[in-house]
């Protein structure tokens, strides 16, 4: 399980590579046209080819705009935006080559006019890499179209009587051919970098990029091919009013949200929430990304099966909550009949998903204390790395101490009230579709509140600020938990790929919303009974191996890329002195 966590972290750390492209294709369009004009001006003024420059600048801009449209006919998904991004970076490479050539001619007092043609070839070699990796073209097709855009621009920029001498320059042709071959070899090797586990690295990259445009079919097909059937359980605590008119559920699915929006079960907490009539909190159980559902079909299978949950135990009483803090680790527990419910957190210090070994050890300890069944919630309410050995030991001690304390506590009849943000205007970029929720538990004439947010984790310290603000108002807020949804209302252009709760909204606004919901929940409190529900479903999950293979493919591809880049830079520098 630790290996799986390392692989997921490694894949996640590479997410920033997808942010290299500009956020908008309009930026790429404008940027490429401006750089095309600069290329024209640089060639004519810097390389002394002064023939109708003011006519050629608009001509090359028009030619580039037309060729960008033609390029889309050769891409697998006919994507105009990717064609524009590729054009921007290709033109940037050409102008960089021209400027380096000018610098070399100034420093070395040499004629570097062949760098005009050389830059065109470098542009073409770059297009081979882009077309094969992200645009879905074969090597043969990439070779057929790699020269189309740079050559069209070249023919417009350069006077026709100079075409022959510049295009047939031996230095430009020789080194240009080397870079075309290097780009082709790099493309073949990186595509095979994930074998045997991953047949084609490029197809996986293309499927991922397509899914970012909401075309998730291909990504799900690739993932589902590697997934396998298994049984997953889902536990629930259902609180029902005495008259049966209202109910609330706290759900602990064994599955994990993910792998990423909009693929598979990325929005599974909200879908469960809606499936239970928006009267539920979908908690993060002790699970990791190996338990992701790979496709929308598997999500549907899981949701249909959820209706078949069976009541394992019911009762009328619960203990007051017990909170145990050991260093950074905090565990809060309640005992429903003989069934403990534990909330585990390191907030404000944060951590990644709680590892499965801790769940097994806590469950075994509970079994030794003759508890019927234990439900464990990973609060997931602060950002952090994988839990350290020291923090893990402290959390286990806190959990065991909490279980020992709950045995000694008296039980009392339960009253509950639940409210959510569905009638409020709480849309924000760091909150999922399920919004916010509060359940008020009245036990022994004392009121305790539990908060929930359909969000991917929380900004460190936000939980503490909200709890403190509640205390000032006379409310005891035990915990705020997030669902760890992987749904993203907007595409976050940061390293994480999402906005954690509180990063955009802030603690004060969240406090205001939570307090408003808490007051409504408090006003609805009514006597209740609890039921423990269990469910098992046969679904496909992604498993651990797929992350190992993806991580390996990424690492191998990046190593190859670094090696080829270093070699290409050295070769380019050598050409400056020839």
Protein backbone atom coordinates (compact mmCIF):
# COMPACT_ATOMS: atom_id res chain seq x y z
CA UNK A 1 0.00 0.00 0.00
CA UNK A 2 2.90 2.35 0.70
CA UNK A 3 4.29 1.61 -2.77
CA UNK A 4 0.93 2.58 -4.29
CA UNK A 5 0.97 5.81 -2.34
CA UNK A 6 4.49 6.60 -3.60
CA UNK A 7 3.44 5.95 -7.19
CA UNK A 8 0.36 8.16 -6.92
CA UNK A 9 2.44 10.94 -5.36
CA UNK A 10 5.00 10.61 -8.13
CA UNK A 11 2.31 10.84 -10.83
CA UNK A 12 0.71 13.77 -9.05
CA UNK A 13 4.04 15.59 -8.82
CA UNK A 14 4.26 15.49 -12.62
CA UNK A 15 0.93 17.30 -12.97
CA UNK A 16 2.70 20.65 -13.25
CA UNK A 17 4.01 19.54 -16.67
CA UNK A 18 0.46 19.93 -18.01
CA UNK A 19 0.53 23.62 -17.06
CA UNK A 20 3.26 24.48 -19.57
CA UNK A 21 0.63 25.33 -22.20
CA UNK A 22 -1.05 28.74 -21.88
CA UNK A 23 -4.46 28.68 -20.22
CA UNK A 24 -6.16 30.07 -23.32
CA UNK A 25 -5.70 29.15 -26.98
CA UNK A 26 -6.36 32.81 -27.81
CA UNK A 27 -3.08 33.65 -26.08
CA UNK A 28 -1.31 31.05 -28.21
CA UNK A 29 -2.94 32.41 -31.36
CA UNK A 30 -1.93 35.99 -30.62
CA UNK A 31 1.52 34.94 -29.38
CA UNK A 32 2.33 32.87 -32.46
CA UNK A 33 1.21 35.65 -34.83
CA UNK A 34 3.29 38.26 -32.97
CA UNK A 35 6.35 36.00 -32.93
CA UNK A 36 5.90 35.29 -36.66
CA UNK A 37 6.08 39.04 -37.24
CA UNK A 38 9.19 39.24 -35.03
CA UNK A 39 10.79 36.35 -36.95
CA UNK A 40 10.18 38.19 -40.21
CA UNK A 41 11.62 41.44 -38.86
CA UNK A 42 14.63 39.65 -37.33
CA UNK A 43 15.49 37.86 -40.58
CA UNK A 44 15.17 40.99 -42.69
CA UNK A 45 16.88 43.42 -40.34
CA UNK A 46 19.30 41.15 -38.51
CA UNK A 47 20.33 38.96 -41.42
CA UNK A 48 20.31 41.76 -44.03
CA UNK A 49 17.55 40.37 -46.22
CA UNK A 50 15.75 43.67 -46.76
CA UNK A 51 13.14 43.14 -49.44
CA UNK A 52 9.59 44.36 -48.79
CA UNK A 53 9.56 43.74 -45.03
CA UNK A 54 6.29 45.63 -44.46
CA UNK A 55 4.58 43.57 -47.11
CA UNK A 56 6.02 40.30 -45.82
CA UNK A 57 4.97 40.73 -42.16
CA UNK A 58 1.21 40.73 -42.87
CA UNK A 59 1.75 38.01 -45.49
CA UNK A 60 3.50 35.68 -43.06
CA UNK A 61 0.86 36.35 -40.37
CA UNK A 62 -1.89 35.43 -42.83
CA UNK A 63 0.00 32.34 -43.97
CA UNK A 64 0.57 31.17 -40.40
CA UNK A 65 -3.10 31.64 -39.50
CA UNK A 66 -4.14 29.56 -42.52
CA UNK A 67 -1.60 26.80 -41.87
CA UNK A 68 -2.73 26.54 -38.23
CA UNK A 69 -6.20 25.66 -39.52
CA UNK A 70 -4.76 23.14 -41.97
CA UNK A 71 -2.77 21.51 -39.15
CA UNK A 72 -5.97 20.57 -37.33
CA UNK A 73 -6.92 18.30 -40.27
CA UNK A 74 -3.95 16.11 -39.45
CA UNK A 75 -4.55 15.79 -35.69
CA UNK A 76 -6.44 12.84 -34.26
CA UNK A 77 -9.06 14.89 -32.44
CA UNK A 78 -9.08 17.85 -34.89
CA UNK A 79 -8.22 20.10 -31.93
CA UNK A 80 -7.57 23.69 -32.91
CA UNK A 81 -6.32 24.75 -29.46
CA UNK A 82 -3.52 22.16 -29.41
CA UNK A 83 -2.51 23.18 -32.92
CA UNK A 84 -2.20 26.77 -31.71
CA UNK A 85 -0.16 25.80 -28.65
CA UNK A 86 2.21 23.75 -30.84
CA UNK A 87 2.56 26.67 -33.26
CA UNK A 88 3.41 29.09 -30.44
CA UNK A 89 6.22 26.96 -29.03
CA UNK A 90 7.55 26.07 -32.48
CA UNK A 91 7.79 29.72 -33.45
CA UNK A 92 9.44 30.49 -30.12
CA UNK A 93 12.09 27.87 -30.92
CA UNK A 94 12.70 29.43 -34.35
CA UNK A 95 13.11 32.98 -33.02
CA UNK A 96 15.41 31.70 -30.25
CA UNK A 97 17.58 30.04 -32.93
CA UNK A 98 17.71 33.25 -34.96
CA UNK A 99 18.71 35.34 -31.97
CA UNK A 100 21.43 32.87 -30.97
CA UNK A 101 22.69 32.98 -34.55
CA UNK A 102 22.85 36.78 -34.42
CA UNK A 103 24.71 36.65 -31.13
CA UNK A 104 27.20 34.15 -32.54
CA UNK A 105 27.76 36.25 -35.68
CA UNK A 106 28.46 39.32 -33.51
CA UNK A 107 30.80 37.55 -31.08
CA UNK A 108 32.60 35.36 -33.61
CA UNK A 109 32.39 37.74 -36.60
CA UNK A 110 31.05 34.97 -38.81
CA UNK A 111 28.30 34.72 -41.40
CA UNK A 112 25.45 32.83 -39.68
CA UNK A 113 22.78 33.38 -42.31
CA UNK A 114 22.31 29.61 -42.59
CA UNK A 115 20.68 29.80 -39.14
CA UNK A 116 17.51 31.04 -40.85
CA UNK A 117 17.10 27.66 -42.56
CA UNK A 118 18.51 25.84 -39.55
CA UNK A 119 15.81 27.36 -37.32
CA UNK A 120 13.18 26.22 -39.80
CA UNK A 121 14.43 22.63 -39.47
CA UNK A 122 14.46 22.86 -35.67
CA UNK A 123 10.85 24.07 -35.83
CA UNK A 124 10.03 21.03 -38.01
CA UNK A 125 11.75 18.61 -35.61
CA UNK A 126 9.79 20.09 -32.72
CA UNK A 127 6.59 19.46 -34.70
CA UNK A 128 7.49 15.77 -35.04
CA UNK A 129 7.64 15.47 -31.25
CA UNK A 130 4.40 17.38 -30.68
CA UNK A 131 2.40 15.63 -33.39
CA UNK A 132 3.38 12.14 -32.24
CA UNK A 133 3.04 12.66 -28.48
CA UNK A 134 0.03 14.92 -27.95
CA UNK A 135 -1.73 15.23 -31.32
CA UNK A 136 -1.94 11.52 -32.10
CA UNK A 137 -0.10 11.37 -35.42
CA UNK A 138 2.06 8.42 -36.46
CA UNK A 139 5.75 8.94 -37.17
CA UNK A 140 5.14 8.71 -40.92
CA UNK A 141 2.34 11.27 -40.82
CA UNK A 142 4.43 13.55 -38.58
CA UNK A 143 7.26 13.42 -41.13
CA UNK A 144 4.81 14.21 -43.93
CA UNK A 145 3.51 17.37 -42.25
CA UNK A 146 6.43 18.49 -40.06
CA UNK A 147 7.76 20.92 -42.69
CA UNK A 148 4.39 22.34 -43.79
CA UNK A 149 4.12 25.29 -41.39
CA UNK A 150 7.80 26.33 -41.12
CA UNK A 151 8.42 25.90 -44.87
CA UNK A 152 5.30 27.93 -45.79
CA UNK A 153 6.49 30.73 -43.49
CA UNK A 154 10.02 30.48 -44.91
CA UNK A 155 8.80 30.84 -48.50
CA UNK A 156 6.80 33.95 -47.61
CA UNK A 157 9.57 35.57 -45.56
CA UNK A 158 12.48 34.92 -47.93
CA UNK A 159 12.58 36.49 -51.43
CA UNK A 160 12.07 33.79 -54.08
CA UNK A 161 15.44 34.42 -55.72
CA UNK A 162 17.13 33.36 -52.46
CA UNK A 163 15.11 30.15 -51.90
CA UNK A 164 17.58 27.86 -53.64
CA UNK A 165 20.76 29.10 -51.98
CA UNK A 166 19.28 29.13 -48.48
CA UNK A 167 17.36 25.86 -48.68
CA UNK A 168 20.34 23.99 -50.13
CA UNK A 169 22.86 25.20 -47.56
CA UNK A 170 24.80 22.04 -46.56
CA UNK A 171 25.21 23.07 -42.92
CA UNK A 172 21.52 23.81 -42.48
CA UNK A 173 20.43 20.62 -44.24
CA UNK A 174 22.96 18.44 -42.42
CA UNK A 175 22.31 19.60 -38.88
CA UNK A 176 18.59 20.02 -39.59
CA UNK A 177 18.38 16.38 -40.71
CA UNK A 178 20.18 15.30 -37.53
CA UNK A 179 17.58 17.06 -35.37
CA UNK A 180 14.71 15.55 -37.40
CA UNK A 181 16.17 12.09 -36.77
CA UNK A 182 16.77 12.85 -33.08
CA UNK A 183 13.13 13.96 -32.67
CA UNK A 184 11.92 10.77 -34.36
CA UNK A 185 14.07 8.48 -32.21
CA UNK A 186 12.97 10.33 -29.07
CA UNK A 187 9.34 9.90 -30.07
CA UNK A 188 9.68 6.14 -30.63
CA UNK A 189 11.56 5.55 -27.37
CA UNK A 190 9.25 7.63 -25.16
CA UNK A 191 6.20 5.89 -26.64
CA UNK A 192 7.67 2.55 -25.54
CA UNK A 193 8.91 3.82 -22.17
CA UNK A 194 6.12 2.17 -20.18
CA UNK A 195 6.34 -1.29 -21.69
CA UNK A 196 5.40 -4.01 -20.93
CA UNK A 197 2.87 -2.60 -18.45
CA UNK A 198 1.81 0.28 -20.71
CA UNK A 199 1.69 -0.47 -24.43
CA UNK A 200 1.80 3.16 -25.58
CA UNK A 201 2.80 6.10 -23.42
CA UNK A 202 1.68 8.53 -26.10
CA UNK A 203 -1.86 7.11 -26.31
CA UNK A 204 -2.18 7.43 -22.55
CA UNK A 205 -1.02 11.07 -22.69
CA UNK A 206 -3.44 11.78 -25.53
CA UNK A 207 -6.32 10.19 -23.61
CA UNK A 208 -5.49 12.28 -20.54
CA UNK A 209 -5.36 15.50 -22.56
CA UNK A 210 -8.66 14.64 -24.25
CA UNK A 211 -10.27 14.05 -20.86
CA UNK A 212 -9.26 17.57 -19.82
CA UNK A 213 -11.60 18.73 -22.57
CA UNK A 214 -14.34 16.53 -21.05
CA UNK A 215 -13.84 13.74 -23.60
CA UNK A 216 -13.19 11.03 -21.04
CA UNK A 217 -14.25 7.95 -23.03
CA UNK A 218 -10.79 6.93 -24.22
CA UNK A 219 -9.17 7.51 -20.81
CA UNK A 220 -11.79 5.31 -19.13
CA UNK A 221 -11.33 2.58 -21.74
CA UNK A 222 -7.57 2.49 -21.15
CA UNK A 223 -7.98 2.43 -17.37
CA UNK A 224 -10.79 -0.12 -17.38
CA UNK A 225 -8.69 -2.56 -19.42
CA UNK A 226 -6.30 -2.76 -16.47
CA UNK A 227 -8.95 -2.80 -13.73
CA UNK A 228 -10.31 -5.90 -12.03
CA UNK A 229 -13.44 -7.01 -10.19
CA UNK A 230 -13.54 -7.12 -6.42
CA UNK A 231 -15.95 -6.69 -3.53
CA UNK A 232 -16.10 -3.30 -1.85
CA UNK A 233 -18.09 -2.52 1.26
CA UNK A 234 -19.98 0.61 2.27
CA UNK A 235 -20.99 1.34 5.86
CA UNK A 236 -23.62 3.84 6.92
CA UNK A 237 -25.04 5.27 10.10
CA UNK A 238 -28.65 6.27 9.48
CA UNK A 239 -30.43 8.55 11.94
CA UNK A 240 -34.22 8.49 11.61
CA UNK A 241 -36.74 10.62 13.43
CA UNK A 242 -39.24 8.85 15.67
CA UNK A 243 -42.09 9.53 13.24
CA UNK A 244 -39.98 8.42 10.26
CA UNK A 245 -40.42 11.71 8.40
CA UNK A 246 -36.76 12.74 8.33
CA UNK A 247 -33.49 10.89 8.13
CA UNK A 248 -29.80 11.56 7.76
CA UNK A 249 -26.96 9.25 6.75
CA UNK A 250 -23.26 9.31 7.37
CA UNK A 251 -21.69 7.19 4.63
CA UNK A 252 -18.26 5.55 4.63
CA UNK A 253 -17.58 4.04 1.19
CA UNK A 254 -14.61 1.74 0.88
CA UNK A 255 -14.03 3.17 -2.61
CA UNK A 256 -11.91 6.26 -3.10
CA UNK A 257 -12.82 9.35 -5.15
CA UNK A 258 -10.81 9.59 -8.34
CA UNK A 259 -8.68 9.07 -10.28
CA UNK A 260 -9.12 12.65 -11.54
CA UNK A 261 -11.88 14.87 -12.88
CA UNK A 262 -13.86 13.99 -14.98
CA UNK A 263 -12.81 10.32 -15.21
CA UNK A 264 -14.40 7.40 -13.33
CA UNK A 265 -15.50 8.02 -9.76
CA UNK A 266 -13.98 11.48 -9.47
CA UNK A 267 -17.34 12.96 -8.41
CA UNK A 268 -18.58 9.88 -6.52
CA UNK A 269 -19.23 11.69 -3.18
CA UNK A 270 -21.74 14.04 -4.81
CA UNK A 271 -23.39 11.21 -6.74
CA UNK A 272 -23.87 9.21 -3.52
CA UNK A 273 -25.11 12.38 -1.82
CA UNK A 274 -27.75 12.94 -4.51
CA UNK A 275 -28.65 9.25 -4.51
CA UNK A 276 -29.52 9.64 -0.81
CA UNK A 277 -31.79 12.66 -1.41
CA UNK A 278 -29.13 15.20 -0.40
CA UNK A 279 -29.49 14.22 3.26
CA UNK A 280 -26.09 12.70 3.86
CA UNK A 281 -22.42 13.31 4.55
CA UNK A 282 -20.11 11.23 2.36
CA UNK A 283 -17.01 10.74 4.44
CA UNK A 284 -13.50 9.78 3.39
CA UNK A 285 -12.97 6.27 4.66
CA UNK A 286 -9.53 4.71 5.09
CA UNK A 287 -8.90 4.01 1.41
CA UNK A 288 -6.46 5.02 -1.30
CA UNK A 289 -6.37 5.47 -5.06
CA UNK A 290 -6.10 1.74 -5.73
CA UNK A 291 -9.83 1.71 -4.86
CA UNK A 292 -10.81 4.18 -7.59
CA UNK A 293 -13.71 3.24 -9.85
CA UNK A 294 -12.33 3.39 -13.41
CA UNK A 295 -15.43 4.40 -15.40
CA UNK A 296 -18.91 5.89 -15.34
CA UNK A 297 -20.33 2.38 -15.89
CA UNK A 298 -18.76 1.13 -12.68
CA UNK A 299 -20.04 4.20 -10.84
CA UNK A 300 -23.56 3.37 -11.99
CA UNK A 301 -23.14 -0.25 -10.88
CA UNK A 302 -21.99 0.89 -7.46
CA UNK A 303 -24.84 3.38 -6.99
CA UNK A 304 -27.49 0.83 -7.99
CA UNK A 305 -26.09 -1.67 -5.52
CA UNK A 306 -26.08 0.93 -2.74
CA UNK A 307 -29.87 0.67 -2.54
CA UNK A 308 -29.45 -2.94 -1.38
CA UNK A 309 -27.87 -2.01 1.96
CA UNK A 310 -29.05 -4.09 4.90
CA UNK A 311 -29.60 -3.02 8.52
CA UNK A 312 -27.11 -4.80 10.77
CA UNK A 313 -27.97 -3.12 14.06
CA UNK A 314 -30.23 -0.41 15.46
CA UNK A 315 -30.61 1.44 18.73
CA UNK A 316 -31.71 4.59 20.52
CA UNK A 317 -28.69 5.71 22.52
CA UNK A 318 -25.24 7.21 22.02
CA UNK A 319 -22.44 8.47 24.24
CA UNK A 320 -21.21 12.03 24.42
CA UNK A 321 -18.17 12.51 22.19
CA UNK A 322 -14.65 11.81 23.45
CA UNK A 323 -11.63 13.63 22.02
CA UNK A 324 -8.06 12.43 22.55
CA UNK A 325 -5.10 14.55 21.41
CA UNK A 326 -1.57 13.12 21.37
CA UNK A 327 0.94 15.57 19.93
CA UNK A 328 -0.33 16.33 16.40
CA UNK A 329 -2.79 13.45 16.28
CA UNK A 330 -6.43 14.00 17.26
CA UNK A 331 -9.17 11.36 17.45
CA UNK A 332 -12.80 12.13 18.26
CA UNK A 333 -15.20 9.26 18.92
CA UNK A 334 -18.85 8.52 19.67
CA UNK A 335 -20.38 5.19 20.59
CA UNK A 336 -23.68 4.28 18.93
CA UNK A 337 -24.90 1.33 20.94
CA UNK A 338 -21.80 -0.84 20.82
CA UNK A 339 -20.52 0.61 17.53
CA UNK A 340 -17.77 3.25 17.81
CA UNK A 341 -17.44 6.00 15.21
CA UNK A 342 -13.97 7.55 15.12
CA UNK A 343 -12.77 10.73 13.35
CA UNK A 344 -9.00 10.83 12.71
CA UNK A 345 -7.14 14.06 11.94
CA UNK A 346 -3.73 15.74 12.05
CA UNK A 347 -5.15 19.21 11.38
CA UNK A 348 -3.73 21.80 11.24
CA UNK A 349 -0.60 19.86 10.26
CA UNK A 350 -2.17 17.69 7.57
CA UNK A 351 -1.39 14.42 5.85
CA UNK A 352 -2.18 12.30 2.81
CA UNK A 353 -4.65 9.41 2.98
CA UNK A 354 -4.39 7.38 6.19
CA UNK A 355 -2.69 4.07 5.28
CA UNK A 356 -4.58 0.79 5.46
CA UNK A 357 -2.32 -0.76 8.11
CA UNK A 358 -3.62 1.76 10.64
CA UNK A 359 -7.21 0.81 9.86
CA UNK A 360 -6.45 -2.88 10.40
CA UNK A 361 -4.72 -2.22 13.71
CA UNK A 362 -7.56 -0.04 15.02
CA UNK A 363 -10.17 -2.58 13.91
CA UNK A 364 -8.30 -5.38 15.63
CA UNK A 365 -8.03 -3.33 18.83
CA UNK A 366 -11.77 -2.62 18.73
CA UNK A 367 -12.50 -6.30 18.20
CA UNK A 368 -10.36 -7.19 21.22
CA UNK A 369 -12.48 -4.74 23.27
CA UNK A 370 -15.63 -6.60 22.14
CA UNK A 371 -17.05 -3.76 20.05
CA UNK A 372 -19.56 -4.96 17.48
CA UNK A 373 -18.25 -3.00 14.47
CA UNK A 374 -16.13 0.11 14.14
CA UNK A 375 -16.48 2.93 11.64
CA UNK A 376 -13.39 5.06 10.96
CA UNK A 377 -13.41 8.44 9.21
CA UNK A 378 -10.33 10.06 7.70
CA UNK A 379 -11.29 13.73 8.26
CA UNK A 380 -9.05 14.80 5.37
CA UNK A 381 -9.08 18.39 6.62
CA UNK A 382 -5.51 19.66 6.16
CA UNK A 383 -2.87 19.43 3.42
CA UNK A 384 0.23 17.33 4.01
CA UNK A 385 2.54 14.54 2.97
CA UNK A 386 2.26 10.84 3.71
CA UNK A 387 1.90 10.38 7.47
CA UNK A 388 5.21 9.92 9.27
CA UNK A 389 6.00 6.94 11.47
CA UNK A 390 5.89 9.13 14.60
CA UNK A 391 2.55 10.75 13.74
CA UNK A 392 1.13 7.38 12.77
CA UNK A 393 2.09 5.90 16.14
CA UNK A 394 0.55 8.88 17.94
CA UNK A 395 -2.67 8.50 15.98
CA UNK A 396 -2.89 4.81 16.79
CA UNK A 397 -2.35 5.56 20.47
CA UNK A 398 -5.01 8.28 20.37
CA UNK A 399 -7.48 5.96 18.62
CA UNK A 400 -6.91 3.18 21.14
CA UNK A 401 -7.21 5.60 24.05
CA UNK A 402 -10.46 6.92 22.61
CA UNK A 403 -11.86 3.40 22.31
CA UNK A 404 -10.88 2.68 25.91
CA UNK A 405 -12.62 5.86 27.09
CA UNK A 406 -15.83 5.19 25.16
CA UNK A 407 -16.30 1.91 27.02
CA UNK A 408 -16.60 3.84 30.29
CA UNK A 409 -19.09 6.42 29.02
CA UNK A 410 -22.82 6.42 29.73
CA UNK A 411 -25.19 6.36 26.79
CA UNK A 412 -28.18 8.66 26.30
CA UNK A 413 -31.09 8.98 23.87
CA UNK A 414 -30.19 10.69 20.59
CA UNK A 415 -31.68 13.73 18.98
CA UNK A 416 -30.48 15.02 15.63
CA UNK A 417 -31.01 17.81 13.14
CA UNK A 418 -29.47 18.12 9.70
CA UNK A 419 -29.19 20.96 7.21
CA UNK A 420 -27.16 21.70 4.10
CA UNK A 421 -26.32 24.55 1.77
CA UNK A 422 -28.61 23.57 -1.11
CA UNK A 423 -30.83 26.61 -0.66
CA UNK A 424 -27.86 28.96 -0.24
CA UNK A 425 -25.60 30.66 -2.77
CA UNK A 426 -22.31 29.05 -1.79
CA UNK A 427 -20.73 28.33 -5.18
CA UNK A 428 -16.99 28.76 -5.02
CA UNK A 429 -13.98 27.39 -6.86
CA UNK A 430 -12.77 25.37 -3.85
CA UNK A 431 -16.06 23.54 -3.22
CA UNK A 432 -17.67 20.59 -5.01
CA UNK A 433 -21.24 20.09 -6.11
CA UNK A 434 -22.40 18.70 -2.74
CA UNK A 435 -21.72 21.99 -0.96
CA UNK A 436 -21.69 22.13 2.84
CA UNK A 437 -23.58 20.25 5.54
CA UNK A 438 -23.98 20.24 9.32
CA UNK A 439 -25.50 17.62 11.61
CA UNK A 440 -26.46 18.62 15.15
CA UNK A 441 -26.39 15.80 17.73
CA UNK A 442 -28.19 16.45 20.99
CA UNK A 443 -26.95 14.02 23.65
CA UNK A 444 -27.57 14.39 27.39
CA UNK A 445 -29.07 17.87 26.73
CA UNK A 446 -25.81 18.99 25.10
CA UNK A 447 -25.48 19.93 21.45
CA UNK A 448 -22.55 18.85 19.33
CA UNK A 449 -22.01 19.75 15.68
CA UNK A 450 -20.24 17.93 12.86
CA UNK A 451 -19.40 19.82 9.68
CA UNK A 452 -18.90 18.43 6.19
CA UNK A 453 -17.79 19.86 2.87
CA UNK A 454 -17.78 18.26 -0.56
CA UNK A 455 -14.23 19.41 -1.19
CA UNK A 456 -10.76 18.07 -1.93
CA UNK A 457 -9.08 18.56 1.43
CA UNK A 458 -8.77 21.85 3.37
CA UNK A 459 -6.25 24.64 3.60
CA UNK A 460 -4.14 24.15 6.74
CA UNK A 461 -5.49 25.97 9.76
CA UNK A 462 -8.91 26.75 8.27
CA UNK A 463 -10.57 24.05 10.35
CA UNK A 464 -9.13 25.57 13.55
CA UNK A 465 -10.33 29.07 12.67
CA UNK A 466 -13.87 27.86 12.00
CA UNK A 467 -13.97 25.79 15.20
CA UNK A 468 -12.73 28.79 17.17
CA UNK A 469 -15.38 31.05 15.60
CA UNK A 470 -18.06 28.50 16.50
CA UNK A 471 -16.83 28.42 20.09
CA UNK A 472 -17.13 32.20 20.33
CA UNK A 473 -20.78 31.84 19.32
CA UNK A 474 -21.40 29.13 21.90
CA UNK A 475 -21.40 26.19 19.48
CA UNK A 476 -19.28 23.06 19.94
CA UNK A 477 -18.04 22.02 16.53
CA UNK A 478 -16.33 18.65 16.88
CA UNK A 479 -14.85 18.30 13.41
CA UNK A 480 -15.10 19.44 9.82
CA UNK A 481 -14.58 16.64 7.32
CA UNK A 482 -14.17 16.76 3.57
CA UNK A 483 -15.28 14.18 1.03
CA UNK A 484 -11.97 14.34 -0.89
CA UNK A 485 -13.94 14.80 -4.08
CA UNK A 486 -11.85 14.90 -7.24
CA UNK A 487 -14.45 16.98 -9.03
CA UNK A 488 -13.10 20.37 -10.08
CA UNK A 489 -15.57 23.22 -10.70
CA UNK A 490 -12.77 25.04 -12.54
CA UNK A 491 -9.41 23.90 -13.86
CA UNK A 492 -6.88 24.99 -11.28
CA UNK A 493 -3.59 25.96 -12.86
CA UNK A 494 -1.45 25.06 -9.87
CA UNK A 495 0.71 22.12 -8.85
CA UNK A 496 -2.12 20.28 -7.10
CA UNK A 497 -4.62 20.60 -9.92
CA UNK A 498 -7.36 21.68 -7.49
CA UNK A 499 -8.18 24.30 -4.87
CA UNK A 500 -8.46 22.95 -1.35
CA UNK A 501 -11.33 24.31 0.76
CA UNK A 502 -10.45 27.66 2.30
CA UNK A 503 -7.76 28.56 -0.22
CA UNK A 504 -10.18 30.66 -2.29
CA UNK A 505 -13.12 31.21 0.05
CA UNK A 506 -11.32 31.89 3.33
CA UNK A 507 -12.18 30.89 6.91
CA UNK A 508 -14.42 33.87 7.67
CA UNK A 509 -16.81 33.31 4.80
CA UNK A 510 -16.88 29.56 5.47
CA UNK A 511 -17.64 30.26 9.14
CA UNK A 512 -20.57 32.45 8.12
CA UNK A 513 -21.98 29.73 5.89
CA UNK A 514 -21.41 26.93 8.41
CA UNK A 515 -23.00 28.94 11.23
CA UNK A 516 -26.07 29.67 9.13
CA UNK A 517 -26.43 25.96 8.36
CA UNK A 518 -25.77 24.98 11.99
CA UNK A 519 -28.60 27.20 13.23
CA UNK A 520 -31.01 25.56 10.82
CA UNK A 521 -29.82 22.07 11.84
CA UNK A 522 -30.21 23.03 15.51
CA UNK A 523 -33.78 24.17 14.94
CA UNK A 524 -34.66 20.81 13.39
CA UNK A 525 -33.43 18.59 16.22
CA UNK A 526 -35.79 15.73 16.98
CA UNK A 527 -35.57 12.43 18.83
CA UNK A 528 -34.17 9.63 16.72
CA UNK A 529 -32.98 6.08 16.48
CA UNK A 530 -29.80 4.95 14.73
CA UNK A 531 -29.27 2.12 12.29
CA UNK A 532 -25.99 0.61 11.12
CA UNK A 533 -26.22 -0.33 7.44
CA UNK A 534 -23.79 -2.47 5.49
CA UNK A 535 -23.45 -3.13 1.78
CA UNK A 536 -21.16 -5.13 -0.49
CA UNK A 537 -20.84 -4.49 -4.20
CA UNK A 538 -18.98 -6.28 -6.99
CA UNK A 539 -17.26 -3.54 -8.97
CA UNK A 540 -14.10 -2.98 -10.94
CA UNK A 541 -11.38 -1.01 -9.21
CA UNK A 542 -8.14 0.36 -10.64
CA UNK A 543 -5.84 -1.54 -8.29
CA UNK A 544 -2.23 -0.82 -7.42
CA UNK A 545 -0.40 -2.10 -10.51
CA UNK A 546 -1.76 0.53 -12.88
CA UNK A 547 -0.17 3.32 -10.82
CA UNK A 548 3.16 1.51 -10.74
CA UNK A 549 3.14 1.22 -14.54
CA UNK A 550 2.07 4.84 -15.10
CA UNK A 551 4.69 6.08 -12.66
CA UNK A 552 7.37 3.97 -14.35
CA UNK A 553 6.35 5.24 -17.80
CA UNK A 554 6.49 8.87 -16.68
CA UNK A 555 9.87 8.43 -15.01
CA UNK A 556 11.38 6.65 -18.01
CA UNK A 557 9.94 9.20 -20.45
CA UNK A 558 11.30 12.11 -18.45
CA UNK A 559 14.74 10.50 -18.15
CA UNK A 560 14.82 9.99 -21.91
CA UNK A 561 13.63 13.54 -22.51
CA UNK A 562 16.27 15.02 -20.23
CA UNK A 563 18.98 12.97 -21.94
CA UNK A 564 17.87 13.98 -25.42
CA UNK A 565 17.51 17.63 -24.40
CA UNK A 566 21.01 17.76 -22.94
CA UNK A 567 22.43 16.14 -26.07
CA UNK A 568 20.45 18.48 -28.35
CA UNK A 569 21.59 21.58 -26.48
CA UNK A 570 25.24 20.45 -26.67
CA UNK A 571 24.86 19.79 -30.42
CA UNK A 572 23.23 23.18 -30.93
CA UNK A 573 26.02 24.96 -29.06
CA UNK A 574 28.59 23.16 -31.22
CA UNK A 575 26.86 24.47 -34.37
CA UNK A 576 27.35 28.03 -33.14
CA UNK A 577 31.13 27.65 -33.47
CA UNK A 578 31.23 25.89 -36.85
